[in-house]
Amino acid sequence: MMFVGGLVVAVAVEHWNLHKRIALKILTLVGSKPRWLMLGFMLPTWFLSMWISNTATTAMMIPIAQAVINQLKQPKKGIDNEVISDKNEDVDQSDIILNGIKSETSVPNGVGNTDEENFKEGKQEENLKEDKLIIEEEEDEEWKRLCKGMSLCVAYAATTGGIATLTGTGPNLIMKDDVDEYYDHHNDTSGLSFGTWMAFGLPTSAITLIIAWFWLQFMFIGFGKSKNVNDEGVKAVIKKEYDSLGPMSFAEKSVLAHFVILALLWLTREPEFIPGWADLFHDKYIVDAVPAVFIACMLFIFPSEKPHFTNERTVVPLLKWKTVAQMFPWHIVLLLGGGFALAEACKVSGLSALVGTALKVFEGLHPVVLVLCLCAIVALLTEVTSNVAIASLFLPIIISLAVEIRIHPLYLAFPCALSTSFAFMLPVATPPNAIVFSYGHIRVIDMVKAGVGMNIICLGVVTLAINTWGKAIFNLDTLPSWMTNPQSANITTAMANITVGPHN
């Protein structure tokens, strides 16, 4: 229900174009140079994909990026003409060098150009045409690389933004469900909430975003000074798009207020380091789904116009069911529900415990090496399979493996859940990749070359995160009490054995 409530709030944000206003406002604040424009596209995409579908975020940002890219190509024709004009001025000089000797040519009165002069003029025109073609080819190649970088930056930002919050992507929710169920079975709490996950996921996501920005510059733009950029044209396009939204309406302000309140309620419910507002109620009475559903219901009640008590006209709420029915991503909910069912089937059938026991051969590996190996396997599989399906199949197995080799379950579960989102190499790997690929600027080989580097970078960042601030936030150096208690461990093993056996 937390995911459903979050999606309803996302529908309200999209319905009133608040996401577009946020994106364009950020773009107006950055510079018009290609590298800063790239960062300008990445920041709003990254932020918005934490809260709304990465597919919807990418679909909104790519047309804006395309309009800006077209403006970046505009000045090239004028620059070509300037170069050719400069060359013509050099050619029209009366001084011509022949055989290393400078001589001044003169044309007798009434006599036309000599054959030698006609030959030289023809040769000069041919050289000018060749120079123009070379200039156009070089600039077209530069523009193509820029298109690739601008397109991929949106897809990468949408993917990395989703890992920052629990509701940002499906695998995070599947991981939370598996972890909570495992801990609840042992009458324990994992300490995993929206706030604690964001404390872990947000720095991880931010570091990944910054490195991705530098990586795309290295691959497609370079770190030298940008040339031939139409600053005024780019600023005009962004300003025109922003001005077309008009002044911020009462409905947009109301949706923004509801959005901020929801985020604050999530973050302060159980911050762990201080008492949260959920402590005012009975234990486990308030979960992350409660504020999400509450705010979602309020959107159906709160008016979209400033109320006037003297006006008898019916006021339309911020959301109507007809709008939600049309814009709500039902396929994502069904996919996530199927993932939960698949994960439950793995546990009930005993597959998770069976495979976890078989994988006990990894017990001799250093934990850091084990994390890298598991994350690499998951990241490769998610390139060709749905990340929800991979999370549903692997996370119960990985948690069982952690219990078998006596490693904190969260130490393996968190990195593997994040790795299911690291799908950068193929167009079919994730919807944002497919959207940017459909615009025709990127070839599969371009996506693979850039994606391989991104996967390696992300695996390194995740391994760093879980071994530094991840350990500090979730106390991963200390095993849960039910793993250190022999009686509890025996009960867990016995239940796994019973589950593996045939059912009546």
Protein backbone atom coordinates (compact mmCIF):
# COMPACT_ATOMS: atom_id res chain seq x y z
CA MET A 1 0.00 0.00 0.00
CA MET A 2 2.95 2.32 0.52
CA PHE A 3 3.80 1.92 -3.18
CA VAL A 4 0.18 2.45 -4.28
CA GLY A 5 -0.14 5.60 -2.14
CA GLY A 6 3.13 6.93 -3.53
CA LEU A 7 1.97 6.27 -7.09
CA VAL A 8 -1.28 8.18 -6.48
CA VAL A 9 0.75 11.20 -5.30
CA ALA A 10 2.93 10.81 -8.41
CA VAL A 11 -0.20 10.87 -10.59
CA ALA A 12 -1.19 14.20 -9.00
CA VAL A 13 2.29 15.61 -9.65
CA GLU A 14 2.12 14.56 -13.31
CA HIS A 15 -1.51 15.66 -13.76
CA TRP A 16 -0.75 19.25 -12.70
CA ASN A 17 2.62 19.37 -14.52
CA LEU A 18 4.50 20.03 -11.31
CA HIS A 19 7.29 17.67 -12.38
CA LYS A 20 7.84 19.63 -15.60
CA ARG A 21 7.97 22.93 -13.72
CA ILE A 22 10.60 21.54 -11.32
CA ALA A 23 12.71 20.20 -14.20
CA LEU A 24 12.60 23.40 -16.25
CA LYS A 25 13.30 25.58 -13.22
CA ILE A 26 16.49 23.63 -12.51
CA LEU A 27 17.49 23.93 -16.17
CA THR A 28 17.15 27.71 -16.02
CA LEU A 29 19.61 27.80 -13.12
CA VAL A 30 22.44 25.87 -14.79
CA GLY A 31 24.70 27.18 -17.53
CA SER A 32 24.21 26.63 -21.25
CA LYS A 33 27.50 24.83 -21.85
CA PRO A 34 27.06 21.15 -22.80
CA ARG A 35 28.53 19.75 -19.56
CA TRP A 36 26.36 21.98 -17.38
CA LEU A 37 23.32 21.29 -19.50
CA MET A 38 23.97 17.58 -19.00
CA LEU A 39 24.06 18.09 -15.24
CA GLY A 40 20.95 20.25 -15.56
CA PHE A 41 19.07 17.36 -17.17
CA MET A 42 20.42 14.79 -14.73
CA LEU A 43 19.53 16.60 -11.50
CA PRO A 44 15.74 16.96 -12.02
CA THR A 45 15.49 13.52 -13.60
CA TRP A 46 17.36 12.02 -10.65
CA PHE A 47 15.19 13.84 -8.08
CA LEU A 48 11.87 13.13 -9.76
CA SER A 49 12.59 9.44 -10.30
CA MET A 50 12.89 9.04 -6.52
CA TRP A 51 9.17 9.74 -6.24
CA ILE A 52 7.49 9.02 -9.58
CA SER A 53 7.99 6.35 -12.22
CA ASN A 54 11.38 6.49 -13.93
CA THR A 55 9.54 5.74 -17.19
CA ALA A 56 7.31 8.81 -16.82
CA THR A 57 10.29 10.96 -15.81
CA THR A 58 12.33 9.90 -18.83
CA ALA A 59 9.40 10.34 -21.21
CA MET A 60 8.97 13.92 -19.95
CA MET A 61 12.65 14.90 -20.00
CA ILE A 62 13.75 13.46 -23.35
CA PRO A 63 11.64 15.80 -25.58
CA ILE A 64 13.02 18.80 -23.66
CA ALA A 65 16.54 17.46 -24.09
CA GLN A 66 15.91 16.96 -27.81
CA ALA A 67 14.78 20.59 -28.26
CA VAL A 68 17.90 21.83 -26.47
CA ILE A 69 20.17 19.54 -28.51
CA ASN A 70 18.70 20.94 -31.73
CA GLN A 71 19.58 24.44 -30.56
CA LEU A 72 23.16 23.38 -29.93
CA LYS A 73 23.47 22.58 -33.65
CA GLN A 74 21.96 25.83 -34.88
CA PRO A 75 25.06 28.06 -34.97
CA LYS A 76 27.26 25.67 -36.89
CA LYS A 77 26.15 26.87 -40.33
CA GLY A 78 27.01 30.45 -39.50
CA ILE A 79 30.39 29.43 -38.19
CA ASP A 80 31.10 27.47 -41.38
CA ASN A 81 30.31 30.55 -43.48
CA GLU A 82 32.68 32.64 -41.37
CA VAL A 83 35.49 30.14 -41.92
CA ILE A 84 34.89 30.07 -45.68
CA SER A 85 34.67 33.86 -45.82
CA ASP A 86 38.01 34.13 -44.04
CA LYS A 87 39.54 31.72 -46.53
CA ASN A 88 38.12 33.73 -49.50
CA GLU A 89 39.71 36.88 -48.15
CA ASP A 90 43.06 35.10 -48.07
CA VAL A 91 42.59 33.78 -51.60
CA ASP A 92 41.60 37.09 -53.19
CA GLN A 93 44.96 38.66 -52.49
CA SER A 94 46.86 39.88 -55.54
CA ASP A 95 50.09 38.38 -54.21
CA ILE A 96 50.59 34.80 -55.41
CA ILE A 97 53.59 32.65 -54.54
CA LEU A 98 55.00 30.63 -57.41
CA ASN A 99 57.90 28.25 -56.92
CA GLY A 100 58.81 29.89 -53.60
CA ILE A 101 59.04 33.38 -55.25
CA LYS A 102 56.51 36.05 -54.39
CA SER A 103 55.29 37.89 -57.48
CA GLU A 104 52.50 40.31 -58.17
CA THR A 105 50.20 39.28 -60.99
CA SER A 106 48.89 41.96 -63.28
CA VAL A 107 46.26 41.68 -65.94
CA PRO A 108 46.73 43.87 -69.03
CA ASN A 109 43.90 46.20 -69.96
CA GLY A 110 41.32 44.46 -72.11
CA VAL A 111 42.85 41.05 -71.57
CA GLY A 112 41.00 38.26 -69.64
CA ASN A 113 42.47 35.92 -67.03
CA THR A 114 45.29 33.72 -68.19
CA ASP A 115 45.01 29.91 -68.21
CA GLU A 116 47.33 29.78 -65.23
CA GLU A 117 45.07 32.07 -63.19
CA ASN A 118 41.94 30.13 -64.18
CA PHE A 119 43.62 26.94 -63.05
CA LYS A 120 44.56 28.49 -59.70
CA GLU A 121 41.04 29.84 -59.11
CA GLY A 122 39.54 26.43 -59.82
CA LYS A 123 42.00 24.77 -57.48
CA GLN A 124 41.23 27.27 -54.74
CA GLU A 125 37.46 26.71 -55.04
CA GLU A 126 38.00 22.97 -54.84
CA ASN A 127 40.13 23.36 -51.71
CA LEU A 128 37.46 25.55 -50.13
CA LYS A 129 34.79 22.91 -50.78
CA GLU A 130 36.98 20.21 -49.26
CA ASP A 131 37.64 22.38 -46.19
CA LYS A 132 33.92 22.99 -45.79
CA LEU A 133 33.14 19.28 -45.99
CA ILE A 134 35.82 18.49 -43.39
CA ILE A 135 34.43 21.17 -41.05
CA GLU A 136 30.87 19.88 -41.47
CA GLU A 137 31.92 16.27 -40.87
CA GLU A 138 33.85 17.17 -37.73
CA GLU A 139 31.00 19.23 -36.31
CA ASP A 140 28.37 16.63 -37.23
CA GLU A 141 30.43 14.01 -35.42
CA GLU A 142 30.73 16.31 -32.40
CA TRP A 143 26.98 16.91 -32.44
CA LYS A 144 26.27 13.16 -32.68
CA ARG A 145 28.45 12.50 -29.63
CA LEU A 146 26.64 15.28 -27.80
CA CYS A 147 23.26 13.72 -28.67
CA LYS A 148 24.41 10.37 -27.31
CA GLY A 149 25.67 11.89 -24.08
CA MET A 150 22.54 14.01 -23.51
CA SER A 151 20.23 11.06 -24.18
CA LEU A 152 22.09 8.62 -21.95
CA CYS A 153 22.39 11.12 -19.10
CA VAL A 154 18.59 11.19 -18.75
CA ALA A 155 18.35 7.38 -18.70
CA TYR A 156 21.20 7.00 -16.21
CA ALA A 157 19.81 9.69 -13.89
CA ALA A 158 16.36 8.05 -13.90
CA THR A 159 17.91 4.68 -13.02
CA THR A 160 20.20 5.97 -10.26
CA GLY A 161 17.49 8.17 -8.75
CA GLY A 162 15.18 5.23 -8.14
CA ILE A 163 17.56 3.53 -5.71
CA ALA A 164 17.53 6.48 -3.29
CA THR A 165 14.06 5.74 -1.84
CA LEU A 166 12.09 2.61 -1.03
CA THR A 167 9.30 3.63 -3.40
CA GLY A 168 11.68 4.63 -6.19
CA THR A 169 11.87 1.17 -7.74
CA GLY A 170 10.19 -2.21 -7.36
CA PRO A 171 13.19 -4.27 -6.14
CA ASN A 172 13.58 -2.00 -3.11
CA LEU A 173 10.03 -2.80 -2.02
CA ILE A 174 10.49 -6.52 -2.64
CA MET A 175 13.65 -6.45 -0.56
CA LYS A 176 11.86 -4.64 2.28
CA ASP A 177 9.01 -7.15 2.20
CA ASP A 178 11.41 -10.12 2.32
CA VAL A 179 13.51 -8.61 5.12
CA ASP A 180 10.48 -7.60 7.23
CA GLU A 181 8.90 -11.02 6.85
CA TYR A 182 12.13 -12.77 7.84
CA TYR A 183 12.61 -10.57 10.91
CA ASP A 184 8.94 -10.72 11.90
CA HIS A 185 9.16 -14.52 11.86
CA HIS A 186 11.82 -14.23 14.58
CA ASN A 187 9.96 -11.50 16.50
CA ASP A 188 12.65 -8.96 15.67
CA THR A 189 12.84 -5.66 13.77
CA SER A 190 15.36 -4.91 11.03
CA GLY A 191 15.42 -1.15 11.53
CA LEU A 192 14.59 -0.72 7.84
CA SER A 193 12.20 2.15 7.19
CA PHE A 194 11.76 4.84 4.58
CA GLY A 195 14.01 7.20 6.53
CA THR A 196 16.81 4.74 7.31
CA TRP A 197 16.87 3.45 3.75
CA MET A 198 17.08 7.00 2.41
CA ALA A 199 20.00 7.66 4.77
CA PHE A 200 21.75 4.74 3.09
CA GLY A 201 20.41 5.00 -0.46
CA LEU A 202 20.56 8.76 -1.03
CA PRO A 203 24.35 9.15 -0.62
CA THR A 204 24.87 6.01 -2.72
CA SER A 205 22.61 7.40 -5.43
CA ALA A 206 24.19 10.88 -5.32
CA ILE A 207 27.75 9.54 -5.63
CA THR A 208 26.68 7.32 -8.53
CA LEU A 209 25.04 10.30 -10.26
CA ILE A 210 28.14 12.50 -9.97
CA ILE A 211 30.44 9.75 -11.25
CA ALA A 212 28.00 9.05 -14.10
CA TRP A 213 28.17 12.74 -15.06
CA PHE A 214 31.96 12.61 -15.29
CA TRP A 215 31.85 9.26 -17.09
CA LEU A 216 29.50 10.54 -19.81
CA GLN A 217 31.65 13.62 -20.28
CA PHE A 218 34.68 11.39 -20.72
CA MET A 219 32.84 9.14 -23.19
CA PHE A 220 31.03 11.70 -25.35
CA ILE A 221 31.90 15.34 -24.64
CA GLY A 222 35.42 15.61 -23.28
CA PHE A 223 36.73 17.95 -20.61
CA GLY A 224 38.07 20.68 -22.91
CA LYS A 225 36.46 24.02 -23.55
CA SER A 226 33.18 23.71 -25.46
CA LYS A 227 33.13 25.45 -28.81
CA ASN A 228 30.40 26.79 -31.09
CA VAL A 229 27.57 26.66 -28.56
CA ASN A 230 24.50 28.78 -29.15
CA ASP A 231 24.08 30.04 -25.59
CA GLU A 232 21.24 32.41 -26.36
CA GLY A 233 19.34 29.82 -28.41
CA VAL A 234 19.53 27.22 -25.63
CA LYS A 235 18.41 29.71 -22.99
CA ALA A 236 15.56 30.85 -25.23
CA VAL A 237 14.25 27.30 -25.69
CA ILE A 238 14.30 26.57 -21.96
CA LYS A 239 12.70 29.94 -21.13
CA LYS A 240 9.99 29.41 -23.74
CA GLU A 241 9.15 25.98 -22.29
CA TYR A 242 9.06 27.37 -18.76
CA ASP A 243 6.99 30.44 -19.70
CA SER A 244 4.45 28.20 -21.45
CA LEU A 245 3.55 26.77 -18.01
CA GLY A 246 2.40 30.18 -16.82
CA PRO A 247 2.48 31.27 -13.17
CA MET A 248 2.31 28.58 -10.50
CA SER A 249 -1.33 27.77 -9.87
CA PHE A 250 -3.07 27.08 -6.57
CA ALA A 251 -3.38 23.42 -7.54
CA GLU A 252 0.37 23.09 -8.17
CA LYS A 253 1.16 24.69 -4.82
CA SER A 254 -1.30 22.37 -3.10
CA VAL A 255 0.16 19.25 -4.72
CA LEU A 256 3.67 20.42 -3.80
CA ALA A 257 2.57 20.93 -0.19
CA HIS A 258 1.05 17.42 -0.03
CA PHE A 259 4.21 15.99 -1.59
CA VAL A 260 6.47 17.70 0.97
CA ILE A 261 4.24 16.63 3.87
CA LEU A 262 4.33 13.01 2.70
CA ALA A 263 8.12 13.05 2.45
CA LEU A 264 8.41 14.56 5.95
CA LEU A 265 5.99 12.01 7.42
CA TRP A 266 7.99 9.19 5.90
CA LEU A 267 11.32 10.55 7.09
CA THR A 268 10.20 11.30 10.65
CA ARG A 269 8.08 8.20 11.29
CA GLU A 270 10.97 6.19 12.75
CA PRO A 271 14.27 8.05 12.22
CA GLU A 272 15.95 5.56 14.65
CA PHE A 273 18.43 8.10 16.10
CA ILE A 274 15.55 10.01 17.78
CA PRO A 275 11.96 9.03 18.63
CA GLY A 276 9.58 9.41 15.70
CA TRP A 277 5.94 10.39 15.60
CA ALA A 278 4.95 6.73 15.19
CA ASP A 279 6.08 6.14 18.79
CA LEU A 280 2.92 7.95 19.91
CA PHE A 281 0.93 4.87 18.81
CA HIS A 282 1.09 1.18 19.63
CA ASP A 283 4.08 -0.82 18.38
CA LYS A 284 3.84 -1.62 14.64
CA TYR A 285 0.50 0.24 14.49
CA ILE A 286 1.92 2.87 12.12
CA VAL A 287 3.87 1.67 9.07
CA ASP A 288 5.13 3.56 6.00
CA ALA A 289 1.90 2.76 4.15
CA VAL A 290 -0.19 4.86 6.57
CA PRO A 291 1.06 8.35 5.59
CA ALA A 292 1.07 7.34 1.90
CA VAL A 293 -2.60 6.29 1.96
CA PHE A 294 -3.56 9.31 4.09
CA ILE A 295 -2.02 11.83 1.69
CA ALA A 296 -3.46 9.95 -1.31
CA CYS A 297 -6.95 10.23 0.19
CA MET A 298 -6.44 13.92 0.92
CA LEU A 299 -5.74 14.56 -2.77
CA PHE A 300 -9.29 13.41 -3.55
CA ILE A 301 -10.68 15.89 -1.00
CA PHE A 302 -8.50 19.01 -1.19
CA PRO A 303 -9.78 21.61 -3.73
CA SER A 304 -7.83 22.49 -6.86
CA GLU A 305 -8.93 26.14 -6.63
CA LYS A 306 -8.77 28.62 -3.79
CA PRO A 307 -12.11 28.19 -2.00
CA HIS A 308 -14.55 31.11 -1.88
CA PHE A 309 -17.27 30.59 0.68
CA THR A 310 -19.62 33.02 -1.04
CA ASN A 311 -19.37 31.14 -4.34
CA GLU A 312 -21.86 28.30 -4.84
CA ARG A 313 -19.90 26.83 -7.77
CA THR A 314 -18.72 23.24 -7.30
CA VAL A 315 -14.99 23.05 -6.66
CA VAL A 316 -13.04 20.28 -8.37
CA PRO A 317 -10.61 18.33 -6.12
CA LEU A 318 -6.93 17.90 -6.91
CA LEU A 319 -7.59 14.37 -8.11
CA LYS A 320 -10.63 12.62 -9.50
CA TRP A 321 -10.94 8.87 -9.86
CA LYS A 322 -11.28 9.21 -13.63
CA THR A 323 -7.86 10.89 -13.77
CA VAL A 324 -6.27 8.24 -11.57
CA ALA A 325 -7.82 5.41 -13.57
CA GLN A 326 -6.31 6.81 -16.79
CA MET A 327 -2.86 7.80 -15.50
CA PHE A 328 -2.17 5.23 -12.77
CA PRO A 329 0.55 2.72 -13.82
CA TRP A 330 -1.49 -0.41 -13.19
CA HIS A 331 1.06 -2.57 -15.01
CA ILE A 332 3.71 -1.68 -12.43
CA VAL A 333 1.44 -2.73 -9.56
CA LEU A 334 0.64 -6.02 -11.31
CA LEU A 335 4.31 -6.63 -12.02
CA LEU A 336 5.20 -5.91 -8.40
CA GLY A 337 2.37 -8.13 -7.16
CA GLY A 338 3.62 -10.94 -9.38
CA GLY A 339 7.09 -10.43 -7.94
CA PHE A 340 5.77 -10.73 -4.38
CA ALA A 341 3.93 -13.93 -5.34
CA LEU A 342 7.06 -15.36 -6.95
CA ALA A 343 9.17 -14.52 -3.90
CA GLU A 344 6.62 -16.13 -1.61
CA ALA A 345 6.55 -19.24 -3.79
CA CYS A 346 10.34 -19.50 -3.50
CA LYS A 347 10.11 -19.40 0.27
CA VAL A 348 7.07 -21.66 0.72
CA SER A 349 8.35 -24.32 -1.69
CA GLY A 350 11.71 -24.38 0.08
CA LEU A 351 13.64 -23.30 -3.01
CA SER A 352 15.25 -20.36 -1.19
CA ALA A 353 16.47 -22.51 1.70
CA LEU A 354 17.62 -25.28 -0.63
CA VAL A 355 19.63 -23.01 -2.92
CA GLY A 356 20.93 -21.04 0.05
CA THR A 357 22.29 -24.23 1.56
CA ALA A 358 23.85 -25.25 -1.77
CA LEU A 359 25.56 -21.87 -2.01
CA LYS A 360 27.26 -22.44 1.33
CA VAL A 361 30.41 -23.18 -0.72
CA PHE A 362 30.93 -19.39 -0.80
CA GLU A 363 31.45 -19.40 2.96
CA GLY A 364 35.24 -19.22 2.56
CA LEU A 365 35.13 -16.00 0.51
CA HIS A 366 35.85 -12.66 2.13
CA PRO A 367 32.54 -10.79 2.65
CA VAL A 368 33.63 -7.92 0.37
CA VAL A 369 34.53 -10.35 -2.43
CA LEU A 370 31.24 -12.19 -1.88
CA VAL A 371 29.27 -8.95 -2.22
CA LEU A 372 31.08 -8.07 -5.45
CA CYS A 373 30.48 -11.54 -6.94
CA LEU A 374 26.77 -11.62 -6.08
CA CYS A 375 26.20 -8.04 -7.27
CA ALA A 376 28.00 -8.73 -10.56
CA ILE A 377 25.82 -11.82 -11.20
CA VAL A 378 22.62 -9.91 -10.41
CA ALA A 379 23.66 -6.89 -12.53
CA LEU A 380 24.37 -9.10 -15.55
CA LEU A 381 21.06 -10.97 -15.24
CA THR A 382 19.05 -7.77 -14.92
CA GLU A 383 20.31 -6.63 -18.34
CA VAL A 384 18.10 -9.24 -20.02
CA THR A 385 15.40 -9.85 -17.39
CA SER A 386 12.99 -7.70 -15.41
CA ASN A 387 14.62 -6.31 -12.28
CA VAL A 388 11.49 -7.15 -10.29
CA ALA A 389 11.70 -10.79 -11.40
CA ILE A 390 15.40 -10.97 -10.52
CA ALA A 391 14.78 -9.44 -7.10
CA SER A 392 11.86 -11.79 -6.45
CA LEU A 393 13.95 -14.87 -7.26
CA PHE A 394 17.32 -13.94 -5.79
CA LEU A 395 16.64 -11.93 -2.63
CA PRO A 396 15.03 -14.77 -0.63
CA ILE A 397 17.91 -17.02 -1.70
CA ILE A 398 20.52 -14.41 -0.75
CA ILE A 399 18.95 -13.88 2.68
CA SER A 400 18.99 -17.66 3.25
CA LEU A 401 22.62 -17.77 2.11
CA ALA A 402 23.56 -15.02 4.58
CA VAL A 403 21.95 -16.97 7.43
CA GLU A 404 23.74 -20.18 6.40
CA ILE A 405 27.21 -18.61 6.31
CA ARG A 406 26.46 -16.41 9.35
CA ILE A 407 26.69 -12.98 7.71
CA HIS A 408 24.24 -10.22 8.53
CA PRO A 409 21.29 -10.68 6.07
CA LEU A 410 21.14 -6.96 5.29
CA TYR A 411 24.83 -6.96 4.35
CA LEU A 412 24.02 -9.11 1.30
CA ALA A 413 20.40 -8.10 0.69
CA PHE A 414 20.98 -4.35 0.29
CA PRO A 415 23.75 -4.46 -2.37
CA CYS A 416 21.95 -7.16 -4.38
CA ALA A 417 18.68 -5.20 -4.30
CA LEU A 418 20.50 -2.11 -5.60
CA SER A 419 22.30 -4.14 -8.27
CA THR A 420 19.01 -5.22 -9.83
CA SER A 421 18.58 -1.57 -10.92
CA PHE A 422 21.99 -1.33 -12.59
CA ALA A 423 20.78 -2.02 -16.11
CA PHE A 424 22.79 0.32 -18.33
CA MET A 425 24.05 -1.79 -21.23
CA LEU A 426 21.06 -2.76 -23.40
CA PRO A 427 17.92 -0.99 -24.66
CA VAL A 428 15.71 -3.84 -23.38
CA ALA A 429 17.23 -3.73 -19.90
CA THR A 430 14.96 -0.98 -18.55
CA PRO A 431 12.20 1.35 -19.88
CA PRO A 432 14.37 4.53 -19.68
CA ASN A 433 16.98 2.83 -21.89
CA ALA A 434 14.30 1.85 -24.40
CA ILE A 435 12.87 5.38 -24.51
CA VAL A 436 16.20 7.10 -25.22
CA PHE A 437 17.13 4.40 -27.73
CA SER A 438 13.88 4.99 -29.66
CA TYR A 439 14.99 8.55 -30.54
CA GLY A 440 17.66 7.13 -32.85
CA HIS A 441 20.72 8.96 -31.52
CA ILE A 442 22.26 5.90 -29.87
CA ARG A 443 23.40 2.58 -31.28
CA VAL A 444 23.44 -0.60 -29.24
CA ILE A 445 27.24 -0.64 -29.30
CA ASP A 446 27.30 2.91 -27.85
CA MET A 447 25.02 1.86 -25.02
CA VAL A 448 27.11 -1.24 -24.32
CA LYS A 449 30.41 0.69 -24.23
CA ALA A 450 29.07 3.31 -21.83
CA GLY A 451 27.04 0.76 -19.84
CA VAL A 452 29.96 -1.55 -19.06
CA GLY A 453 31.82 1.30 -17.39
CA MET A 454 28.70 2.39 -15.49
CA ASN A 455 28.09 -1.13 -14.19
CA ILE A 456 31.66 -1.39 -12.90
CA ILE A 457 31.41 2.05 -11.29
CA CYS A 458 28.08 1.25 -9.61
CA LEU A 459 29.31 -2.08 -8.25
CA GLY A 460 32.29 -0.28 -6.69
CA VAL A 461 30.08 2.44 -5.17
CA VAL A 462 27.63 -0.08 -3.70
CA THR A 463 30.44 -2.15 -2.20
CA LEU A 464 31.90 1.02 -0.67
CA ALA A 465 28.49 2.10 0.65
CA ILE A 466 27.59 -1.17 2.39
CA ASN A 467 31.02 -1.37 4.04
CA THR A 468 31.05 2.21 5.33
CA TRP A 469 27.89 4.18 6.10
CA GLY A 470 25.71 1.07 5.55
CA LYS A 471 27.44 -0.68 8.45
CA ALA A 472 27.15 2.42 10.64
CA ILE A 473 23.43 3.00 9.98
CA PHE A 474 22.24 -0.61 10.33
CA ASN A 475 24.94 -1.92 12.71
CA LEU A 476 25.87 -4.68 10.27
CA ASP A 477 28.90 -5.77 12.27
CA THR A 478 26.56 -7.26 14.89
CA LEU A 479 24.46 -10.27 13.97
CA PRO A 480 20.75 -10.25 14.86
CA SER A 481 19.91 -11.93 18.17
CA TRP A 482 18.04 -14.76 16.47
CA MET A 483 21.23 -15.68 14.55
CA THR A 484 23.42 -15.74 17.66
CA ASN A 485 20.87 -17.68 19.73
CA PRO A 486 21.49 -21.44 19.13
CA GLN A 487 17.87 -22.32 19.91
CA SER A 488 16.61 -19.82 17.34
CA ALA A 489 19.13 -21.06 14.79
CA ASN A 490 17.98 -24.64 15.31
CA ILE A 491 14.37 -23.61 14.83
CA THR A 492 15.27 -21.83 11.58
CA THR A 493 17.13 -24.88 10.25
CA ALA A 494 14.30 -27.18 11.23
CA MET A 495 11.73 -24.97 9.48
CA ALA A 496 13.89 -24.88 6.34
CA ASN A 497 14.08 -28.68 6.36
CA ILE A 498 10.36 -29.00 6.86
CA THR A 499 9.69 -26.56 4.04
CA VAL A 500 11.91 -28.45 1.64
CA GLY A 501 10.03 -31.67 2.26
CA PRO A 502 6.78 -32.61 0.42
CA HIS A 503 3.55 -30.92 1.45
CA ASN A 504 0.35 -32.82 2.21
